[in-house]
C-alpha atoms as a PDB file:
ATOM      1  CA  MET A   1      96.946  94.215  49.942  1.00  0.00           C
ATOM      2  CA  ILE A   2      99.510  94.310  53.016  1.00  0.00           C
ATOM      3  CA  ILE A   3      97.632  94.601  56.438  1.00  0.00           C
ATOM      4  CA  LEU A   4      98.590  95.192  59.834  1.00  0.00           C
ATOM      5  CA  GLY A   5      96.199  93.011  62.145  1.00  0.00           C
ATOM      6  CA  ILE A   6      95.850  94.312  65.844  1.00  0.00           C
ATOM      7  CA  GLU A   7      94.129  92.043  68.483  1.00  0.00           C
ATOM      8  CA  THR A   8      93.417  92.906  72.082  1.00  0.00           C
ATOM      9  CA  SER A   9      90.066  91.530  73.092  1.00  0.00           C
ATOM     10  CA  CYS A  10      91.072  89.706  76.187  1.00  0.00           C
ATOM     11  CA  ASP A  11      94.702  88.722  77.576  1.00  0.00           C
ATOM     12  CA  GLU A  12      96.752  88.302  74.578  1.00  0.00           C
ATOM     13  CA  THR A  13      98.371  91.344  72.661  1.00  0.00           C
ATOM     14  CA  ALA A  14      98.804  90.513  69.474  1.00  0.00           C
ATOM     15  CA  ALA A  15      99.995  91.945  65.797  1.00  0.00           C
ATOM     16  CA  SER A  16     100.395  90.380  62.607  1.00  0.00           C
ATOM     17  CA  VAL A  17     101.252  91.585  58.937  1.00  0.00           C
ATOM     18  CA  VAL A  18      99.305  89.460  56.326  1.00  0.00           C
ATOM     19  CA  ASN A  19      99.449  89.651  52.570  1.00  0.00           C
ATOM     20  CA  ASN A  20      95.851  89.546  50.842  1.00  0.00           C
ATOM     21  CA  GLY A  21      94.402  88.026  53.738  1.00  0.00           C
ATOM     22  CA  THR A  22      96.082  84.562  53.319  1.00  0.00           C
ATOM     23  CA  GLU A  23      99.652  85.140  53.782  1.00  0.00           C
ATOM     24  CA  ILE A  24     101.172  85.304  57.260  1.00  0.00           C
ATOM     25  CA  LEU A  25     104.300  87.638  57.082  1.00  0.00           C
ATOM     26  CA  SER A  26     104.565  87.821  60.697  1.00  0.00           C
ATOM     27  CA  SER A  27     102.449  86.893  63.731  1.00  0.00           C
ATOM     28  CA  ILE A  28     103.441  88.038  67.310  1.00  0.00           C
ATOM     29  CA  VAL A  29     101.504  87.228  70.471  1.00  0.00           C
ATOM     30  CA  SER A  30     102.296  88.246  73.807  1.00  0.00           C
ATOM     31  CA  SER A  31     100.141  86.254  76.332  1.00  0.00           C
ATOM     32  CA  GLN A  32      99.020  87.511  80.079  1.00  0.00           C
ATOM     33  CA  ILE A  33      98.539  83.831  80.981  1.00  0.00           C
ATOM     34  CA  GLU A  34     101.135  83.817  83.958  1.00  0.00           C
ATOM     35  CA  ILE A  35      99.851  87.003  85.037  1.00  0.00           C
ATOM     36  CA  HIS A  36      96.091  85.853  85.350  1.00  0.00           C
ATOM     37  CA  SER A  37      96.778  82.401  86.482  1.00  0.00           C
ATOM     38  CA  ARG A  38      97.477  83.253  90.125  1.00  0.00           C
ATOM     39  CA  TYR A  39      93.862  84.534  90.164  1.00  0.00           C
ATOM     40  CA  GLY A  40      92.318  81.816  88.587  1.00  0.00           C
ATOM     41  CA  GLY A  41      90.962  83.751  85.378  1.00  0.00           C
ATOM     42  CA  VAL A  42      91.509  87.331  83.609  1.00  0.00           C
ATOM     43  CA  VAL A  43      91.304  90.165  85.716  1.00  0.00           C
ATOM     44  CA  PRO A  44      89.861  93.062  83.223  1.00  0.00           C
ATOM     45  CA  GLU A  45      91.581  95.831  84.627  1.00  0.00           C
ATOM     46  CA  LEU A  46      95.006  94.365  84.835  1.00  0.00           C
ATOM     47  CA  ALA A  47      94.757  92.836  81.311  1.00  0.00           C
ATOM     48  CA  SER A  48      94.142  96.289  79.991  1.00  0.00           C
ATOM     49  CA  ARG A  49      97.009  97.641  81.652  1.00  0.00           C
ATOM     50  CA  LYS A  50      99.398  95.046  80.219  1.00  0.00           C
ATOM     51  CA  HIS A  51      98.251  95.821  76.992  1.00  0.00           C
ATOM     52  CA  MET A  52      99.235  99.327  77.177  1.00  0.00           C
ATOM     53  CA  GLU A  53     102.527  98.213  78.129  1.00  0.00           C
ATOM     54  CA  ALA A  54     102.937  95.666  75.469  1.00  0.00           C
ATOM     55  CA  ILE A  55     101.255  97.114  72.421  1.00  0.00           C
ATOM     56  CA  VAL A  56     103.874  99.318  70.868  1.00  0.00           C
ATOM     57  CA  PRO A  57     106.623  96.760  71.198  1.00  0.00           C
ATOM     58  CA  VAL A  58     104.473  93.830  69.856  1.00  0.00           C
ATOM     59  CA  VAL A  59     103.241  95.792  66.937  1.00  0.00           C
ATOM     60  CA  ARG A  60     107.180  97.026  66.434  1.00  0.00           C
ATOM     61  CA  GLU A  61     108.149  93.435  66.538  1.00  0.00           C
ATOM     62  CA  ALA A  62     105.555  92.181  64.176  1.00  0.00           C
ATOM     63  CA  ILE A  63     106.606  94.833  61.726  1.00  0.00           C
ATOM     64  CA  LYS A  64     110.192  94.189  62.040  1.00  0.00           C
ATOM     65  CA  THR A  65     109.667  90.350  61.577  1.00  0.00           C
ATOM     66  CA  SER A  66     107.611  90.825  58.466  1.00  0.00           C
ATOM     67  CA  GLY A  67     110.591  92.328  56.683  1.00  0.00           C
ATOM     68  CA  ILE A  68     108.813  95.415  55.645  1.00  0.00           C
ATOM     69  CA  GLY A  69     108.616  98.840  56.913  1.00  0.00           C
ATOM     70  CA  PRO A  70     105.559 100.706  58.066  1.00  0.00           C
ATOM     71  CA  ASP A  71     105.525 102.673  54.830  1.00  0.00           C
ATOM     72  CA  ARG A  72     104.487  99.640  52.944  1.00  0.00           C
ATOM     73  CA  LEU A  73     101.105  98.884  55.049  1.00  0.00           C
ATOM     74  CA  ASP A  74      98.348  99.387  52.884  1.00  0.00           C
ATOM     75  CA  SER A  75      95.846  99.526  55.730  1.00  0.00           C
ATOM     76  CA  ILE A  76      95.022  98.309  59.330  1.00  0.00           C
ATOM     77  CA  ALA A  77      92.517  95.855  60.884  1.00  0.00           C
ATOM     78  CA  VAL A  78      91.536  95.700  64.338  1.00  0.00           C
ATOM     79  CA  THR A  79      89.555  93.834  66.861  1.00  0.00           C
ATOM     80  CA  ARG A  80      86.346  96.001  67.796  1.00  0.00           C
ATOM     81  CA  GLY A  81      84.529  93.369  69.810  1.00  0.00           C
ATOM     82  CA  PRO A  82      83.340  91.354  71.496  1.00  0.00           C
ATOM     83  CA  GLY A  83      85.580  91.390  74.391  1.00  0.00           C
ATOM     84  CA  LEU A  84      86.855  93.128  77.516  1.00  0.00           C
ATOM     85  CA  ILE A  85      86.187  96.968  76.944  1.00  0.00           C
ATOM     86  CA  GLY A  86      89.182  98.264  78.557  1.00  0.00           C
ATOM     87  CA  CYS A  87      91.416  95.867  76.734  1.00  0.00           C
ATOM     88  CA  LEU A  88      89.687  96.454  73.324  1.00  0.00           C
ATOM     89  CA  LEU A  89      90.025 100.155  73.747  1.00  0.00           C
ATOM     90  CA  VAL A  90      94.048  99.851  73.704  1.00  0.00           C
ATOM     91  CA  GLY A  91      94.278  98.276  70.419  1.00  0.00           C
ATOM     92  CA  PHE A  92      91.212 100.138  68.706  1.00  0.00           C
ATOM     93  CA  SER A  93      92.720 103.499  69.896  1.00  0.00           C
ATOM     94  CA  PHE A  94      96.588 102.580  69.004  1.00  0.00           C
ATOM     95  CA  ALA A  95      95.272 101.174  65.263  1.00  0.00           C
ATOM     96  CA  LYS A  96      93.386 104.589  64.454  1.00  0.00           C
ATOM     97  CA  ALA A  97      95.871 106.629  65.956  1.00  0.00           C
ATOM     98  CA  TYR A  98      98.556 104.668  63.635  1.00  0.00           C
ATOM     99  CA  ALA A  99      96.375 104.648  60.905  1.00  0.00           C
ATOM    100  CA  PHE A 100      95.717 108.072  60.750  1.00  0.00           C
ATOM    101  CA  GLY A 101      99.617 109.009  61.308  1.00  0.00           C
ATOM    102  CA  LEU A 102     100.515 106.703  58.244  1.00  0.00           C
ATOM    103  CA  GLY A 103      97.673 108.209  56.277  1.00  0.00           C
ATOM    104  CA  ILE A 104      96.263 104.821  55.431  1.00  0.00           C
ATOM    105  CA  PRO A 105      92.535 102.856  55.713  1.00  0.00           C
ATOM    106  CA  TRP A 106      91.714 101.090  58.668  1.00  0.00           C
ATOM    107  CA  THR A 107      88.632  99.054  59.582  1.00  0.00           C
ATOM    108  CA  GLY A 108      87.143  97.357  62.827  1.00  0.00           C
ATOM    109  CA  VAL A 109      86.686  93.719  62.835  1.00  0.00           C
ATOM    110  CA  ASN A 110      84.178  91.560  64.948  1.00  0.00           C
ATOM    111  CA  HIS A 111      86.657  88.868  66.893  1.00  0.00           C
ATOM    112  CA  LEU A 112      84.348  85.864  66.158  1.00  0.00           C
ATOM    113  CA  GLU A 113      84.465  86.692  62.216  1.00  0.00           C
ATOM    114  CA  GLY A 114      88.287  86.523  62.922  1.00  0.00           C
ATOM    115  CA  HIS A 115      88.204  83.362  64.457  1.00  0.00           C
ATOM    116  CA  ILE A 116      86.053  81.829  61.504  1.00  0.00           C
ATOM    117  CA  HIS A 117      88.611  83.463  59.037  1.00  0.00           C
ATOM    118  CA  SER A 118      91.652  81.515  60.706  1.00  0.00           C
ATOM    119  CA  VAL A 119      90.634  78.545  58.416  1.00  0.00           C
ATOM    120  CA  PHE A 120      91.569  80.871  55.453  1.00  0.00           C
ATOM    121  CA  LEU A 121      95.141  81.018  56.485  1.00  0.00           C
ATOM    122  CA  GLU A 122      95.358  77.371  56.190  1.00  0.00           C
ATOM    123  CA  PRO A 123      96.447  75.732  52.625  1.00  0.00           C
ATOM    124  CA  ASP A 124      93.194  74.047  52.042  1.00  0.00           C
ATOM    125  CA  PRO A 125      90.216  76.700  53.105  1.00  0.00           C
ATOM    126  CA  PRO A 126      86.805  75.333  53.044  1.00  0.00           C
ATOM    127  CA  PRO A 127      84.589  76.394  49.852  1.00  0.00           C
ATOM    128  CA  PHE A 128      81.306  78.390  50.746  1.00  0.00           C
ATOM    129  CA  PRO A 129      78.803  77.645  52.014  1.00  0.00           C
ATOM    130  CA  PHE A 130      80.030  75.617  55.285  1.00  0.00           C
ATOM    131  CA  ILE A 131      79.317  75.357  58.844  1.00  0.00           C
ATOM    132  CA  SER A 132      81.771  76.574  61.384  1.00  0.00           C
ATOM    133  CA  LEU A 133      81.680  75.755  65.173  1.00  0.00           C
ATOM    134  CA  LEU A 134      83.328  78.772  67.128  1.00  0.00           C
ATOM    135  CA  ALA A 135      84.291  77.262  70.695  1.00  0.00           C
ATOM    136  CA  SER A 136      86.365  79.613  73.013  1.00  0.00           C
ATOM    137  CA  GLY A 137      86.489  80.868  76.395  1.00  0.00           C
ATOM    138  CA  GLY A 138      84.014  83.444  76.018  1.00  0.00           C
ATOM    139  CA  HIS A 139      81.903  81.928  72.947  1.00  0.00           C
ATOM    140  CA  THR A 140      80.408  78.652  71.401  1.00  0.00           C
ATOM    141  CA  GLY A 141      78.316  79.141  68.531  1.00  0.00           C
ATOM    142  CA  LEU A 142      77.349  77.474  65.020  1.00  0.00           C
ATOM    143  CA  TYR A 143      77.543  79.460  61.901  1.00  0.00           C
ATOM    144  CA  LEU A 144      76.534  79.070  58.623  1.00  0.00           C
ATOM    145  CA  VAL A 145      79.153  80.823  56.358  1.00  0.00           C
ATOM    146  CA  THR A 146      77.939  81.792  52.716  1.00  0.00           C
ATOM    147  CA  SER A 147      80.764  84.265  52.144  1.00  0.00           C
ATOM    148  CA  HIS A 148      83.588  85.922  53.405  1.00  0.00           C
ATOM    149  CA  THR A 149      81.319  88.869  55.037  1.00  0.00           C
ATOM    150  CA  SER A 150      78.118  86.860  55.325  1.00  0.00           C
ATOM    151  CA  MET A 151      77.609  84.586  58.290  1.00  0.00           C
ATOM    152  CA  GLU A 152      74.453  83.312  60.133  1.00  0.00           C
ATOM    153  CA  LEU A 153      74.169  82.422  63.596  1.00  0.00           C
ATOM    154  CA  LEU A 154      72.527  79.018  63.848  1.00  0.00           C
ATOM    155  CA  GLY A 155      72.819  78.500  67.560  1.00  0.00           C
ATOM    156  CA  GLN A 156      74.876  79.303  70.566  1.00  0.00           C
ATOM    157  CA  THR A 157      75.341  78.801  74.298  1.00  0.00           C
ATOM    158  CA  ARG A 158      72.329  79.624  76.753  1.00  0.00           C
ATOM    159  CA  ASP A 159      74.925  79.806  79.428  1.00  0.00           C
ATOM    160  CA  ASP A 160      78.494  79.128  79.748  1.00  0.00           C
ATOM    161  CA  ALA A 161      80.801  79.050  76.798  1.00  0.00           C
ATOM    162  CA  ALA A 162      82.814  75.699  76.379  1.00  0.00           C
ATOM    163  CA  GLY A 163      86.037  77.117  77.407  1.00  0.00           C
ATOM    164  CA  GLU A 164      84.529  78.748  80.246  1.00  0.00           C
ATOM    165  CA  ALA A 165      83.001  75.440  81.592  1.00  0.00           C
ATOM    166  CA  PHE A 166      86.648  74.050  81.083  1.00  0.00           C
ATOM    167  CA  ASP A 167      87.966  76.822  83.139  1.00  0.00           C
ATOM    168  CA  LYS A 168      85.549  76.608  86.057  1.00  0.00           C
ATOM    169  CA  VAL A 169      85.940  72.875  86.196  1.00  0.00           C
ATOM    170  CA  ALA A 170      89.652  73.242  86.440  1.00  0.00           C
ATOM    171  CA  LYS A 171      89.230  75.927  89.122  1.00  0.00           C
ATOM    172  CA  MET A 172      86.812  73.514  90.802  1.00  0.00           C
ATOM    173  CA  LEU A 173      89.282  70.709  90.735  1.00  0.00           C
ATOM    174  CA  GLY A 174      92.097  73.046  91.976  1.00  0.00           C
ATOM    175  CA  LEU A 175      94.030  72.524  88.904  1.00  0.00           C
ATOM    176  CA  GLY A 176      94.592  76.201  87.942  1.00  0.00           C
ATOM    177  CA  TYR A 177      94.167  78.338  84.832  1.00  0.00           C
ATOM    178  CA  PRO A 178      93.757  78.011  81.738  1.00  0.00           C
ATOM    179  CA  GLY A 179      91.557  75.133  82.327  1.00  0.00           C
ATOM    180  CA  GLY A 180      91.435  73.746  78.718  1.00  0.00           C
ATOM    181  CA  SER A 181      95.010  72.972  78.329  1.00  0.00           C
ATOM    182  CA  ILE A 182      95.146  71.610  82.176  1.00  0.00           C
ATOM    183  CA  ILE A 183      91.887  69.563  81.657  1.00  0.00           C
ATOM    184  CA  GLY A 184      93.233  68.097  78.367  1.00  0.00           C
ATOM    185  CA  LYS A 185      96.448  67.031  80.107  1.00  0.00           C
ATOM    186  CA  PHE A 186      94.683  65.053  83.132  1.00  0.00           C
ATOM    187  CA  ALA A 187      92.274  63.557  80.723  1.00  0.00           C
ATOM    188  CA  GLU A 188      94.836  61.792  78.525  1.00  0.00           C
ATOM    189  CA  LYS A 189      95.777  59.947  81.927  1.00  0.00           C
ATOM    190  CA  GLY A 190      91.936  59.083  83.198  1.00  0.00           C
ATOM    191  CA  ASP A 191      89.058  56.911  81.683  1.00  0.00           C
ATOM    192  CA  PRO A 192      86.215  58.726  79.980  1.00  0.00           C
ATOM    193  CA  GLY A 193      83.984  56.031  80.642  1.00  0.00           C
ATOM    194  CA  LYS A 194      84.486  55.643  84.154  1.00  0.00           C
ATOM    195  CA  ILE A 195      82.444  58.520  85.168  1.00  0.00           C
ATOM    196  CA  ASP A 196      79.529  59.110  83.303  1.00  0.00           C
ATOM    197  CA  PHE A 197      78.519  62.975  83.133  1.00  0.00           C
ATOM    198  CA  PRO A 198      75.481  64.057  81.360  1.00  0.00           C
ATOM    199  CA  ARG A 199      75.090  65.069  77.779  1.00  0.00           C
ATOM    200  CA  THR A 200      73.163  68.224  77.483  1.00  0.00           C
ATOM    201  CA  TYR A 201      71.627  68.328  74.136  1.00  0.00           C
ATOM    202  CA  LEU A 202      68.577  70.652  74.744  1.00  0.00           C
ATOM    203  CA  ASP A 203      66.658  70.150  71.541  1.00  0.00           C
ATOM    204  CA  LYS A 204      68.286  67.481  69.793  1.00  0.00           C
ATOM    205  CA  SER A 205      66.713  68.953  66.520  1.00  0.00           C
ATOM    206  CA  GLY A 206      68.316  72.383  67.572  1.00  0.00           C
ATOM    207  CA  PHE A 207      71.762  74.143  67.565  1.00  0.00           C
ATOM    208  CA  ASP A 208      72.013  75.833  70.771  1.00  0.00           C
ATOM    209  CA  PHE A 209      74.258  74.579  73.656  1.00  0.00           C
ATOM    210  CA  SER A 210      74.416  74.506  77.481  1.00  0.00           C
ATOM    211  CA  PHE A 211      77.252  73.675  79.709  1.00  0.00           C
ATOM    212  CA  SER A 212      75.973  74.832  83.043  1.00  0.00           C
ATOM    213  CA  GLY A 213      74.479  71.828  84.181  1.00  0.00           C
ATOM    214  CA  LEU A 214      77.499  69.692  83.143  1.00  0.00           C
ATOM    215  CA  LYS A 215      79.463  71.780  85.402  1.00  0.00           C
ATOM    216  CA  THR A 216      76.935  71.463  88.236  1.00  0.00           C
ATOM    217  CA  SER A 217      77.106  67.819  87.885  1.00  0.00           C
ATOM    218  CA  VAL A 218      80.970  68.020  88.240  1.00  0.00           C
ATOM    219  CA  SER A 219      80.697  70.007  91.323  1.00  0.00           C
ATOM    220  CA  ARG A 220      78.044  67.779  92.971  1.00  0.00           C
ATOM    221  CA  PHE A 221      80.268  64.697  92.211  1.00  0.00           C
ATOM    222  CA  VAL A 222      83.313  66.601  93.875  1.00  0.00           C
ATOM    223  CA  GLN A 223      81.417  67.332  96.739  1.00  0.00           C
ATOM    224  CA  SER A 224      79.949  63.714  97.116  1.00  0.00           C
ATOM    225  CA  HIS A 225      83.446  62.335  97.073  1.00  0.00           C
ATOM    226  CA  SER A 226      85.150  65.011  98.977  1.00  0.00           C
ATOM    227  CA  ALA A 227      87.558  62.564 100.701  1.00  0.00           C
ATOM    228  CA  GLY A 228      89.012  61.143  97.992  1.00  0.00           C
ATOM    229  CA  TYR A 229      88.109  62.988  94.534  1.00  0.00           C
ATOM    230  CA  LYS A 230      91.941  64.111  93.873  1.00  0.00           C
ATOM    231  CA  GLU A 231      93.148  60.713  93.219  1.00  0.00           C
ATOM    232  CA  MET A 232      89.915  60.434  90.786  1.00  0.00           C
ATOM    233  CA  ILE A 233      90.891  63.917  89.263  1.00  0.00           C
ATOM    234  CA  PRO A 234      92.138  62.199  85.969  1.00  0.00           C
ATOM    235  CA  ASP A 235      88.964  60.307  85.383  1.00  0.00           C
ATOM    236  CA  ILE A 236      86.746  63.510  86.242  1.00  0.00           C
ATOM    237  CA  ALA A 237      88.634  65.364  83.466  1.00  0.00           C
ATOM    238  CA  ALA A 238      88.463  62.596  81.116  1.00  0.00           C
ATOM    239  CA  GLY A 239      84.607  62.060  81.606  1.00  0.00           C
ATOM    240  CA  PHE A 240      83.827  65.995  81.822  1.00  0.00           C
ATOM    241  CA  GLN A 241      86.014  66.483  78.685  1.00  0.00           C
ATOM    242  CA  GLU A 242      84.243  63.612  76.748  1.00  0.00           C
ATOM    243  CA  SER A 243      80.822  65.081  77.529  1.00  0.00           C
ATOM    244  CA  VAL A 244      81.666  68.576  76.272  1.00  0.00           C
ATOM    245  CA  VAL A 245      83.278  66.907  73.200  1.00  0.00           C
ATOM    246  CA  ASP A 246      80.173  64.531  72.308  1.00  0.00           C
ATOM    247  CA  VAL A 247      77.890  67.636  72.479  1.00  0.00           C
ATOM    248  CA  LEU A 248      80.010  70.027  70.319  1.00  0.00           C
ATOM    249  CA  SER A 249      80.727  66.991  67.844  1.00  0.00           C
ATOM    250  CA  CYS A 250      77.099  66.081  67.380  1.00  0.00           C
ATOM    251  CA  LYS A 251      75.785  69.757  67.141  1.00  0.00           C
ATOM    252  CA  LEU A 252      78.180  70.296  64.324  1.00  0.00           C
ATOM    253  CA  LEU A 253      77.474  67.435  62.276  1.00  0.00           C
ATOM    254  CA  LEU A 254      73.705  68.002  62.628  1.00  0.00           C
ATOM    255  CA  ALA A 255      74.019  71.380  61.581  1.00  0.00           C
ATOM    256  CA  ALA A 256      76.171  70.415  58.500  1.00  0.00           C
ATOM    257  CA  LYS A 257      73.443  67.424  57.657  1.00  0.00           C
ATOM    258  CA  GLU A 258      70.384  70.172  58.073  1.00  0.00           C
ATOM    259  CA  LYS A 259      72.010  72.781  55.834  1.00  0.00           C
ATOM    260  CA  ARG A 260      73.386  70.111  53.328  1.00  0.00           C
ATOM    261  CA  CYS A 261      77.033  71.586  53.822  1.00  0.00           C
ATOM    262  CA  GLU A 262      79.712  68.937  52.709  1.00  0.00           C
ATOM    263  CA  HIS A 263      82.387  71.027  54.500  1.00  0.00           C
ATOM    264  CA  ILE A 264      82.929  72.204  58.212  1.00  0.00           C
ATOM    265  CA  ALA A 265      85.097  74.311  60.174  1.00  0.00           C
ATOM    266  CA  MET A 266      86.246  74.412  63.855  1.00  0.00           C
ATOM    267  CA  VAL A 267      87.722  77.458  65.162  1.00  0.00           C
ATOM    268  CA  GLY A 268      88.595  79.154  68.651  1.00  0.00           C
ATOM    269  CA  GLY A 269      90.757  78.273  71.566  1.00  0.00           C
ATOM    270  CA  VAL A 270      88.632  74.934  72.270  1.00  0.00           C
ATOM    271  CA  ALA A 271      89.552  73.701  68.636  1.00  0.00           C
ATOM    272  CA  ALA A 272      93.006  73.284  69.884  1.00  0.00           C
ATOM    273  CA  ASN A 273      91.634  70.406  72.391  1.00  0.00           C
ATOM    274  CA  ARG A 274      93.232  67.425  71.086  1.00  0.00           C
ATOM    275  CA  ARG A 275      90.503  64.989  71.828  1.00  0.00           C
ATOM    276  CA  LEU A 276      88.098  67.294  70.280  1.00  0.00           C
ATOM    277  CA  ARG A 277      89.937  67.297  67.088  1.00  0.00           C
ATOM    278  CA  GLU A 278      90.054  63.495  66.808  1.00  0.00           C
ATOM    279  CA  LYS A 279      86.416  63.127  67.753  1.00  0.00           C
ATOM    280  CA  VAL A 280      85.052  65.613  65.013  1.00  0.00           C
ATOM    281  CA  MET A 281      87.559  64.205  62.346  1.00  0.00           C
ATOM    282  CA  ASN A 282      86.303  60.836  62.981  1.00  0.00           C
ATOM    283  CA  ASP A 283      82.741  61.631  63.046  1.00  0.00           C
ATOM    284  CA  ALA A 284      82.790  63.837  59.882  1.00  0.00           C
ATOM    285  CA  GLY A 285      84.962  61.011  58.131  1.00  0.00           C
ATOM    286  CA  ARG A 286      81.943  58.388  58.763  1.00  0.00           C
ATOM    287  CA  ALA A 287      79.456  61.152  57.491  1.00  0.00           C
ATOM    288  CA  GLY A 288      81.713  61.823  54.481  1.00  0.00           C
ATOM    289  CA  ILE A 289      82.285  65.566  55.616  1.00  0.00           C
ATOM    290  CA  LYS A 290      85.395  67.327  55.005  1.00  0.00           C
ATOM    291  CA  ILE A 291      86.768  68.907  58.459  1.00  0.00           C
ATOM    292  CA  HIS A 292      88.858  72.311  58.245  1.00  0.00           C
ATOM    293  CA  ILE A 293      90.843  72.957  61.461  1.00  0.00           C
ATOM    294  CA  PRO A 294      93.358  75.668  61.773  1.00  0.00           C
ATOM    295  CA  SER A 295      96.608  74.844  63.442  1.00  0.00           C
ATOM    296  CA  PRO A 296      96.814  75.176  67.419  1.00  0.00           C
ATOM    297  CA  ASP A 297      98.471  78.562  66.786  1.00  0.00           C
ATOM    298  CA  LEU A 298      95.742  80.103  64.926  1.00  0.00           C
ATOM    299  CA  CYS A 299      93.142  78.502  67.182  1.00  0.00           C
ATOM    300  CA  GLY A 300      93.660  81.017  69.977  1.00  0.00           C
ATOM    301  CA  ASP A 301      93.452  84.709  69.900  1.00  0.00           C
ATOM    302  CA  ASN A 302      95.739  86.022  67.384  1.00  0.00           C
ATOM    303  CA  ALA A 303      96.252  89.225  64.905  1.00  0.00           C
ATOM    304  CA  ALA A 304      96.395  87.045  61.790  1.00  0.00           C
ATOM    305  CA  MET A 305      92.769  86.240  61.972  1.00  0.00           C
ATOM    306  CA  ILE A 306      91.984  89.641  62.436  1.00  0.00           C
ATOM    307  CA  ALA A 307      93.898  90.818  59.391  1.00  0.00           C
ATOM    308  CA  ALA A 308      92.531  87.928  57.229  1.00  0.00           C
ATOM    309  CA  ALA A 309      88.856  89.077  58.204  1.00  0.00           C
ATOM    310  CA  GLY A 310      89.543  92.653  57.585  1.00  0.00           C
ATOM    311  CA  TYR A 311      90.914  92.207  54.300  1.00  0.00           C
ATOM    312  CA  TYR A 312      87.755  91.032  52.804  1.00  0.00           C
ATOM    313  CA  HIS A 313      85.865  93.940  54.380  1.00  0.00           C
ATOM    314  CA  LEU A 314      88.393  96.414  53.102  1.00  0.00           C
ATOM    315  CA  ILE A 315      88.045  95.062  49.542  1.00  0.00           C
ATOM    316  CA  ASP A 316      84.315  95.280  49.940  1.00  0.00           C
ATOM    317  CA  GLY A 317      84.755  99.018  50.803  1.00  0.00           C
ATOM    318  CA  GLY A 318      84.178  98.606  54.553  1.00  0.00           C
ATOM    319  CA  LEU A 319      86.043 101.519  55.597  1.00  0.00           C
ATOM    320  CA  GLN A 320      85.340 102.855  59.142  1.00  0.00           C
ATOM    321  CA  ASP A 321      84.263 105.837  60.496  1.00  0.00           C
ATOM    322  CA  TRP A 322      86.570 107.697  62.907  1.00  0.00           C
ATOM    323  CA  SER A 323      83.470 107.987  65.599  1.00  0.00           C
ATOM    324  CA  LEU A 324      83.050 104.263  65.868  1.00  0.00           C
ATOM    325  CA  ASP A 325      83.619 102.709  69.343  1.00  0.00           C
ATOM    326  CA  VAL A 326      84.366  99.387  70.413  1.00  0.00           C
ATOM    327  CA  PHE A 327      81.614  97.015  71.772  1.00  0.00           C
ATOM    328  CA  SER A 328      81.612  94.267  74.445  1.00  0.00           C
ATOM    329  CA  ARG A 329      78.961  91.819  73.281  1.00  0.00           C
ATOM    330  CA  ALA A 330      78.161  90.355  70.113  1.00  0.00           C
ATOM    331  CA  LEU A 331      76.106  92.421  67.834  1.00  0.00           C
END
């Protein structure tokens, strides 16, 4: 089954052609980072307008690069939510119209399920059941994944998502946007043990997260060192990053032990963080648990993961009603 995937939940316009949910024939991503970086974050109205400009050429390029024509598409999978409503509507409306024009079935995909399915686009996907940590700019949660269409949320952030905390701390330090990659670069030059920021585990036997306290701790440190904090930015970045990494790894391994899963996955934009990948791989190795992490290109928002998740819904008969609409928050 050849599926065209479409993703427009935030600030990437993406289209991908995927065969049988595992083989990527093409993957095109048009990023808006340069546009939004001047504002220190995504401007929703501007993002949706840029999606309108990019959706047709991006889909056209994805089909051309795949080496097949539109007449060979069997179905379309598109992000339905969660995300920014204006952005979602661009991709969702386009996908429905395109499917109607081609006379093929389509399905709406939960963006979070898409991220979890990014590991199935790699050569060695995890067997069921497994625990997946999803860490991105808008979401941080732990899932018990028992099938391609069955995922139980074990715990999630009570405030800021991990990626959101990276963005806010980067803005606080005057480093720009997006925060994840910038903080990571500065952290490589710093000493993670120089500044001991708090680790917020909440209930150590539970699976929920909280990063607002850590963000506040960084803010207070900067305020109390206002005269010379700029020279300390690498150490601040390293200390902050190490705190986030410690909590994410601890909760992920805890969930695997509690649910007796021998395989874990880590997905979402934050999963591209070099220090986080290193920490989780080391901790999992010591615990005898196998870790599955998609390549950095598949960690960020992309349409291949949407096509992969859509494939399993389609083969289960998950065709969509034309009256369905997008949603902004996780259902």
